[in-house]
PDB file of N, CA and C in Angstrom:
ATOM      1  N   MET A   1     -45.684  11.816  52.962  1.00  0.00           N
ATOM      2  CA  MET A   1     -45.319  11.587  54.782  1.00  0.00           C
ATOM      3  C   MET A   1     -45.668  13.656  55.124  1.00  0.00           C
ATOM      4  N   ALA A   2     -45.484  13.926  55.996  1.00  0.00           N
ATOM      5  CA  ALA A   2     -45.826  15.201  56.779  1.00  0.00           C
ATOM      6  C   ALA A   2     -44.396  15.146  57.024  1.00  0.00           C
ATOM      7  N   GLU A   3     -44.191  17.108  57.046  1.00  0.00           N
ATOM      8  CA  GLU A   3     -43.162  17.444  57.024  1.00  0.00           C
ATOM      9  C   GLU A   3     -42.490  17.541  58.035  1.00  0.00           C
ATOM     10  N   PRO A   4     -41.327  17.170  58.818  1.00  0.00           N
ATOM     11  CA  PRO A   4     -40.416  17.232  60.088  1.00  0.00           C
ATOM     12  C   PRO A   4     -40.898  18.279  60.964  1.00  0.00           C
ATOM     13  N   LYS A   5     -41.529  18.173  62.075  1.00  0.00           N
ATOM     14  CA  LYS A   5     -41.686  19.140  63.052  1.00  0.00           C
ATOM     15  C   LYS A   5     -39.914  19.945  63.514  1.00  0.00           C
ATOM     16  N   ALA A   6     -39.059  19.240  63.432  1.00  0.00           N
ATOM     17  CA  ALA A   6     -37.807  19.424  63.483  1.00  0.00           C
ATOM     18  C   ALA A   6     -36.691  18.587  62.582  1.00  0.00           C
ATOM     19  N   VAL A   7     -35.935  19.450  62.567  1.00  0.00           N
ATOM     20  CA  VAL A   7     -34.639  18.284  61.565  1.00  0.00           C
ATOM     21  C   VAL A   7     -33.459  18.549  62.678  1.00  0.00           C
ATOM     22  N   VAL A   8     -32.806  17.814  63.248  1.00  0.00           N
ATOM     23  CA  VAL A   8     -31.680  17.727  64.204  1.00  0.00           C
ATOM     24  C   VAL A   8     -30.470  17.127  63.248  1.00  0.00           C
ATOM     25  N   GLU A   9     -29.409  18.024  62.854  1.00  0.00           N
ATOM     26  CA  GLU A   9     -28.305  17.503  62.534  1.00  0.00           C
ATOM     27  C   GLU A   9     -27.313  16.793  63.908  1.00  0.00           C
ATOM     28  N   VAL A  10     -26.828  15.489  63.625  1.00  0.00           N
ATOM     29  CA  VAL A  10     -25.683  15.224  64.434  1.00  0.00           C
ATOM     30  C   VAL A  10     -24.815  14.335  63.730  1.00  0.00           C
ATOM     31  N   SER A  11     -23.451  14.740  64.485  1.00  0.00           N
ATOM     32  CA  SER A  11     -22.117  14.186  63.990  1.00  0.00           C
ATOM     33  C   SER A  11     -22.108  12.988  64.353  1.00  0.00           C
ATOM     34  N   ALA A  12     -20.901  12.291  63.503  1.00  0.00           N
ATOM     35  CA  ALA A  12     -20.642  10.696  63.861  1.00  0.00           C
ATOM     36  C   ALA A  12     -20.286  10.391  65.547  1.00  0.00           C
ATOM     37  N   ALA A  13     -19.476  11.516  65.609  1.00  0.00           N
ATOM     38  CA  ALA A  13     -18.990  11.805  67.475  1.00  0.00           C
ATOM     39  C   ALA A  13     -20.120  11.814  67.980  1.00  0.00           C
ATOM     40  N   GLU A  14     -21.535  12.017  67.726  1.00  0.00           N
ATOM     41  CA  GLU A  14     -22.675  12.377  68.828  1.00  0.00           C
ATOM     42  C   GLU A  14     -23.286  11.036  69.193  1.00  0.00           C
ATOM     43  N   LEU A  15     -23.081   9.956  68.042  1.00  0.00           N
ATOM     44  CA  LEU A  15     -23.962   8.580  68.340  1.00  0.00           C
ATOM     45  C   LEU A  15     -23.576   7.633  68.946  1.00  0.00           C
ATOM     46  N   GLN A  16     -24.119   7.364  69.373  1.00  0.00           N
ATOM     47  CA  GLN A  16     -23.983   6.246  70.679  1.00  0.00           C
ATOM     48  C   GLN A  16     -24.037   4.793  70.168  1.00  0.00           C
ATOM     49  N   GLY A  17     -23.283   3.905  70.674  1.00  0.00           N
ATOM     50  CA  GLY A  17     -23.494   2.217  70.450  1.00  0.00           C
ATOM     51  C   GLY A  17     -23.588   1.695  69.140  1.00  0.00           C
ATOM     52  N   PRO A  18     -24.217   1.616  68.347  1.00  0.00           N
ATOM     53  CA  PRO A  18     -24.344   0.986  66.967  1.00  0.00           C
ATOM     54  C   PRO A  18     -24.552   2.306  66.113  1.00  0.00           C
ATOM     55  N   GLY A  19     -24.423   3.444  66.390  1.00  0.00           N
ATOM     56  CA  GLY A  19     -25.110   4.373  65.210  1.00  0.00           C
ATOM     57  C   GLY A  19     -26.384   4.985  66.021  1.00  0.00           C
ATOM     58  N   VAL A  20     -27.032   5.382  67.463  1.00  0.00           N
ATOM     59  CA  VAL A  20     -28.125   5.729  67.424  1.00  0.00           C
ATOM     60  C   VAL A  20     -27.969   7.211  68.180  1.00  0.00           C
ATOM     61  N   THR A  21     -28.927   7.261  68.387  1.00  0.00           N
ATOM     62  CA  THR A  21     -29.184   8.787  68.820  1.00  0.00           C
ATOM     63  C   THR A  21     -30.710   8.885  69.445  1.00  0.00           C
ATOM     64  N   PHE A  22     -31.116   9.821  70.621  1.00  0.00           N
ATOM     65  CA  PHE A  22     -32.079   9.153  71.497  1.00  0.00           C
ATOM     66  C   PHE A  22     -32.755  10.693  71.149  1.00  0.00           C
ATOM     67  N   CYS A  23     -34.124  10.518  71.554  1.00  0.00           N
ATOM     68  CA  CYS A  23     -35.111  11.694  71.748  1.00  0.00           C
ATOM     69  C   CYS A  23     -36.374  11.524  72.491  1.00  0.00           C
ATOM     70  N   PRO A  24     -36.427  12.242  73.446  1.00  0.00           N
ATOM     71  CA  PRO A  24     -36.063  13.560  73.535  1.00  0.00           C
ATOM     72  C   PRO A  24     -34.571  13.965  73.661  1.00  0.00           C
ATOM     73  N   ASN A  25     -34.323  15.078  72.904  1.00  0.00           N
ATOM     74  CA  ASN A  25     -32.512  15.215  72.973  1.00  0.00           C
ATOM     75  C   ASN A  25     -32.452  16.529  74.004  1.00  0.00           C
ATOM     76  N   PRO A  26     -31.074  16.433  74.641  1.00  0.00           N
ATOM     77  CA  PRO A  26     -31.162  17.525  76.064  1.00  0.00           C
ATOM     78  C   PRO A  26     -31.429  19.256  75.580  1.00  0.00           C
ATOM     79  N   LYS A  27     -31.618  19.389  74.273  1.00  0.00           N
ATOM     80  CA  LYS A  27     -32.230  20.639  73.828  1.00  0.00           C
ATOM     81  C   LYS A  27     -33.523  21.216  73.714  1.00  0.00           C
ATOM     82  N   MET A  28     -34.415  19.733  74.177  1.00  0.00           N
ATOM     83  CA  MET A  28     -35.949  20.464  73.720  1.00  0.00           C
ATOM     84  C   MET A  28     -36.310  20.954  75.370  1.00  0.00           C
ATOM     85  N   ALA A  29     -37.444  21.537  74.982  1.00  0.00           N
ATOM     86  CA  ALA A  29     -38.375  21.920  76.164  1.00  0.00           C
ATOM     87  C   ALA A  29     -38.270  20.919  76.960  1.00  0.00           C
ATOM     88  N   LEU A  30     -38.634  21.163  78.590  1.00  0.00           N
ATOM     89  CA  LEU A  30     -38.831  20.092  79.295  1.00  0.00           C
ATOM     90  C   LEU A  30     -40.373  19.260  78.868  1.00  0.00           C
ATOM     91  N   TRP A  31     -41.277  20.739  78.758  1.00  0.00           N
ATOM     92  CA  TRP A  31     -42.811  19.889  78.123  1.00  0.00           C
ATOM     93  C   TRP A  31     -43.213  19.738  77.517  1.00  0.00           C
ATOM     94  N   SER A  32     -42.143  19.493  76.500  1.00  0.00           N
ATOM     95  CA  SER A  32     -42.299  18.460  75.096  1.00  0.00           C
ATOM     96  C   SER A  32     -42.123  16.992  75.223  1.00  0.00           C
ATOM     97  N   ASN A  33     -41.110  16.785  76.603  1.00  0.00           N
ATOM     98  CA  ASN A  33     -40.612  15.252  77.028  1.00  0.00           C
ATOM     99  C   ASN A  33     -41.751  14.225  76.371  1.00  0.00           C
ATOM    100  N   HIS A  34     -41.324  13.036  76.483  1.00  0.00           N
ATOM    101  CA  HIS A  34     -42.042  11.894  76.029  1.00  0.00           C
ATOM    102  C   HIS A  34     -41.283  10.888  76.256  1.00  0.00           C
ATOM    103  N   PRO A  35     -41.261   9.561  76.365  1.00  0.00           N
ATOM    104  CA  PRO A  35     -40.549   8.311  76.734  1.00  0.00           C
ATOM    105  C   PRO A  35     -39.239   8.715  75.985  1.00  0.00           C
ATOM    106  N   LYS A  36     -38.459   8.382  76.293  1.00  0.00           N
ATOM    107  CA  LYS A  36     -36.780   7.801  75.676  1.00  0.00           C
ATOM    108  C   LYS A  36     -36.697   6.985  74.901  1.00  0.00           C
ATOM    109  N   VAL A  37     -36.892   7.472  73.337  1.00  0.00           N
ATOM    110  CA  VAL A  37     -36.774   6.308  72.346  1.00  0.00           C
ATOM    111  C   VAL A  37     -35.478   6.480  71.382  1.00  0.00           C
ATOM    112  N   PHE A  38     -34.356   5.273  71.450  1.00  0.00           N
ATOM    113  CA  PHE A  38     -33.410   5.329  70.491  1.00  0.00           C
ATOM    114  C   PHE A  38     -33.994   5.333  69.032  1.00  0.00           C
ATOM    115  N   ILE A  39     -32.975   6.163  68.307  1.00  0.00           N
ATOM    116  CA  ILE A  39     -33.187   6.244  66.772  1.00  0.00           C
ATOM    117  C   ILE A  39     -31.790   6.139  66.125  1.00  0.00           C
ATOM    118  N   ASP A  40     -32.352   5.076  64.985  1.00  0.00           N
ATOM    119  CA  ASP A  40     -31.210   4.828  64.209  1.00  0.00           C
ATOM    120  C   ASP A  40     -30.753   5.560  63.181  1.00  0.00           C
ATOM    121  N   VAL A  41     -29.675   6.208  63.301  1.00  0.00           N
ATOM    122  CA  VAL A  41     -29.279   7.084  62.528  1.00  0.00           C
ATOM    123  C   VAL A  41     -28.369   6.163  61.147  1.00  0.00           C
ATOM    124  N   ALA A  42     -27.320   5.353  61.539  1.00  0.00           N
ATOM    125  CA  ALA A  42     -26.560   4.815  61.120  1.00  0.00           C
ATOM    126  C   ALA A  42     -26.757   4.252  59.463  1.00  0.00           C
ATOM    127  N   THR A  43     -27.901   3.395  59.840  1.00  0.00           N
ATOM    128  CA  THR A  43     -28.375   2.550  58.696  1.00  0.00           C
ATOM    129  C   THR A  43     -28.624   3.413  57.138  1.00  0.00           C
ATOM    130  N   THR A  44     -29.547   4.227  57.278  1.00  0.00           N
ATOM    131  CA  THR A  44     -30.014   5.101  56.135  1.00  0.00           C
ATOM    132  C   THR A  44     -29.442   6.508  56.125  1.00  0.00           C
ATOM    133  N   GLY A  45     -28.896   7.229  57.806  1.00  0.00           N
ATOM    134  CA  GLY A  45     -28.144   8.317  57.413  1.00  0.00           C
ATOM    135  C   GLY A  45     -29.157   9.348  58.089  1.00  0.00           C
ATOM    136  N   GLU A  46     -30.360   8.792  58.299  1.00  0.00           N
ATOM    137  CA  GLU A  46     -31.215   9.842  59.039  1.00  0.00           C
ATOM    138  C   GLU A  46     -32.298   8.968  59.413  1.00  0.00           C
ATOM    139  N   GLY A  47     -33.248   9.281  60.708  1.00  0.00           N
ATOM    140  CA  GLY A  47     -34.373   8.513  60.939  1.00  0.00           C
ATOM    141  C   GLY A  47     -35.292   9.910  61.632  1.00  0.00           C
ATOM    142  N   ARG A  48     -36.493   8.987  62.191  1.00  0.00           N
ATOM    143  CA  ARG A  48     -37.575   9.729  63.004  1.00  0.00           C
ATOM    144  C   ARG A  48     -37.715   9.384  63.930  1.00  0.00           C
ATOM    145  N   CYS A  49     -38.317  10.084  64.970  1.00  0.00           N
ATOM    146  CA  CYS A  49     -38.913  10.222  66.095  1.00  0.00           C
ATOM    147  C   CYS A  49     -40.414   9.628  65.773  1.00  0.00           C
ATOM    148  N   PRO A  50     -41.002   8.451  66.078  1.00  0.00           N
ATOM    149  CA  PRO A  50     -42.244   8.129  66.203  1.00  0.00           C
ATOM    150  C   PRO A  50     -43.181   8.897  67.307  1.00  0.00           C
ATOM    151  N   TYR A  51     -42.559   9.422  68.237  1.00  0.00           N
ATOM    152  CA  TYR A  51     -43.253  10.626  69.105  1.00  0.00           C
ATOM    153  C   TYR A  51     -43.977  11.706  68.655  1.00  0.00           C
ATOM    154  N   CYS A  52     -42.562  12.820  68.500  1.00  0.00           N
ATOM    155  CA  CYS A  52     -42.673  13.867  67.841  1.00  0.00           C
ATOM    156  C   CYS A  52     -42.492  14.147  66.897  1.00  0.00           C
ATOM    157  N   GLY A  53     -41.703  13.416  65.789  1.00  0.00           N
ATOM    158  CA  GLY A  53     -41.673  13.443  64.487  1.00  0.00           C
ATOM    159  C   GLY A  53     -40.311  14.433  64.060  1.00  0.00           C
ATOM    160  N   THR A  54     -39.645  14.793  65.043  1.00  0.00           N
ATOM    161  CA  THR A  54     -38.408  14.742  65.141  1.00  0.00           C
ATOM    162  C   THR A  54     -37.263  14.093  64.177  1.00  0.00           C
ATOM    163  N   VAL A  55     -36.814  14.763  63.123  1.00  0.00           N
ATOM    164  CA  VAL A  55     -36.084  13.957  62.356  1.00  0.00           C
ATOM    165  C   VAL A  55     -34.319  14.169  62.776  1.00  0.00           C
ATOM    166  N   TYR A  56     -33.591  13.118  62.820  1.00  0.00           N
ATOM    167  CA  TYR A  56     -32.341  13.394  63.361  1.00  0.00           C
ATOM    168  C   TYR A  56     -31.059  12.650  61.939  1.00  0.00           C
ATOM    169  N   LYS A  57     -30.723  13.249  61.496  1.00  0.00           N
ATOM    170  CA  LYS A  57     -29.983  13.305  60.203  1.00  0.00           C
ATOM    171  C   LYS A  57     -28.580  13.531  60.456  1.00  0.00           C
ATOM    172  N   LEU A  58     -27.483  12.680  59.629  1.00  0.00           N
ATOM    173  CA  LEU A  58     -26.192  12.730  59.857  1.00  0.00           C
ATOM    174  C   LEU A  58     -25.684  14.082  59.013  1.00  0.00           C
ATOM    175  N   LYS A  59     -24.666  14.830  59.669  1.00  0.00           N
ATOM    176  CA  LYS A  59     -24.350  15.626  58.878  1.00  0.00           C
ATOM    177  C   LYS A  59     -23.985  15.306  57.967  1.00  0.00           C
ATOM    178  N   ALA A  60     -23.941  16.224  56.588  1.00  0.00           N
ATOM    179  CA  ALA A  60     -23.181  15.713  55.256  1.00  0.00           C
ATOM    180  C   ALA A  60     -21.473  15.865  55.785  1.00  0.00           C
ATOM    181  N   GLY A  61     -21.394  14.853  55.067  1.00  0.00           N
ATOM    182  CA  GLY A  61     -19.791  14.370  54.657  1.00  0.00           C
ATOM    183  C   GLY A  61     -19.783  13.655  55.939  1.00  0.00           C
ATOM    184  N   GLU A  62     -20.445  13.226  57.036  1.00  0.00           N
ATOM    185  CA  GLU A  62     -20.032  12.875  57.909  1.00  0.00           C
ATOM    186  C   GLU A  62     -19.946  11.009  57.673  1.00  0.00           C
ATOM    187  N   HIS A  63     -19.687   9.978  58.640  1.00  0.00           N
ATOM    188  CA  HIS A  63     -19.856   8.860  57.831  1.00  0.00           C
ATOM    189  C   HIS A  63     -19.534   8.078  59.686  1.00  0.00           C
ATOM    190  N   VAL A  64     -20.289   7.157  59.722  1.00  0.00           N
ATOM    191  CA  VAL A  64     -20.843   6.407  60.866  1.00  0.00           C
ATOM    192  C   VAL A  64     -19.353   4.797  60.708  1.00  0.00           C
ATOM    193  N   HIS A  65     -18.402   4.682  61.755  1.00  0.00           N
ATOM    194  CA  HIS A  65     -17.587   3.739  61.943  1.00  0.00           C
ATOM    195  C   HIS A  65     -17.919   2.517  62.254  1.00  0.00           C
ATOM    196  N   HIS A  66     -18.351   1.500  61.770  1.00  0.00           N
ATOM    197  CA  HIS A  66     -18.757   0.512  62.699  1.00  0.00           C
ATOM    198  C   HIS A  66     -16.902  -0.154  63.329  1.00  0.00           C
ATOM    199  N   HIS A  67     -17.090  -0.861  64.412  1.00  0.00           N
ATOM    200  CA  HIS A  67     -16.501  -1.463  65.385  1.00  0.00           C
ATOM    201  C   HIS A  67     -16.284  -2.625  64.883  1.00  0.00           C
TER     202      HIS A  67
END
């Protein structure tokens, strides 16, 4: 698999709903926008955007607490 374009570390508190984040994230340049997708980070500790290849990783030591 190709190297990720970027790696974004997220804390458990930044995840939404059942442990997901979304891409593009607010820090990305407007010109690089693509359709918003939700990426599951909770299941394996990381997830990759199918559009731009950005990898979202749970920060070291962070744990997702399910309700």
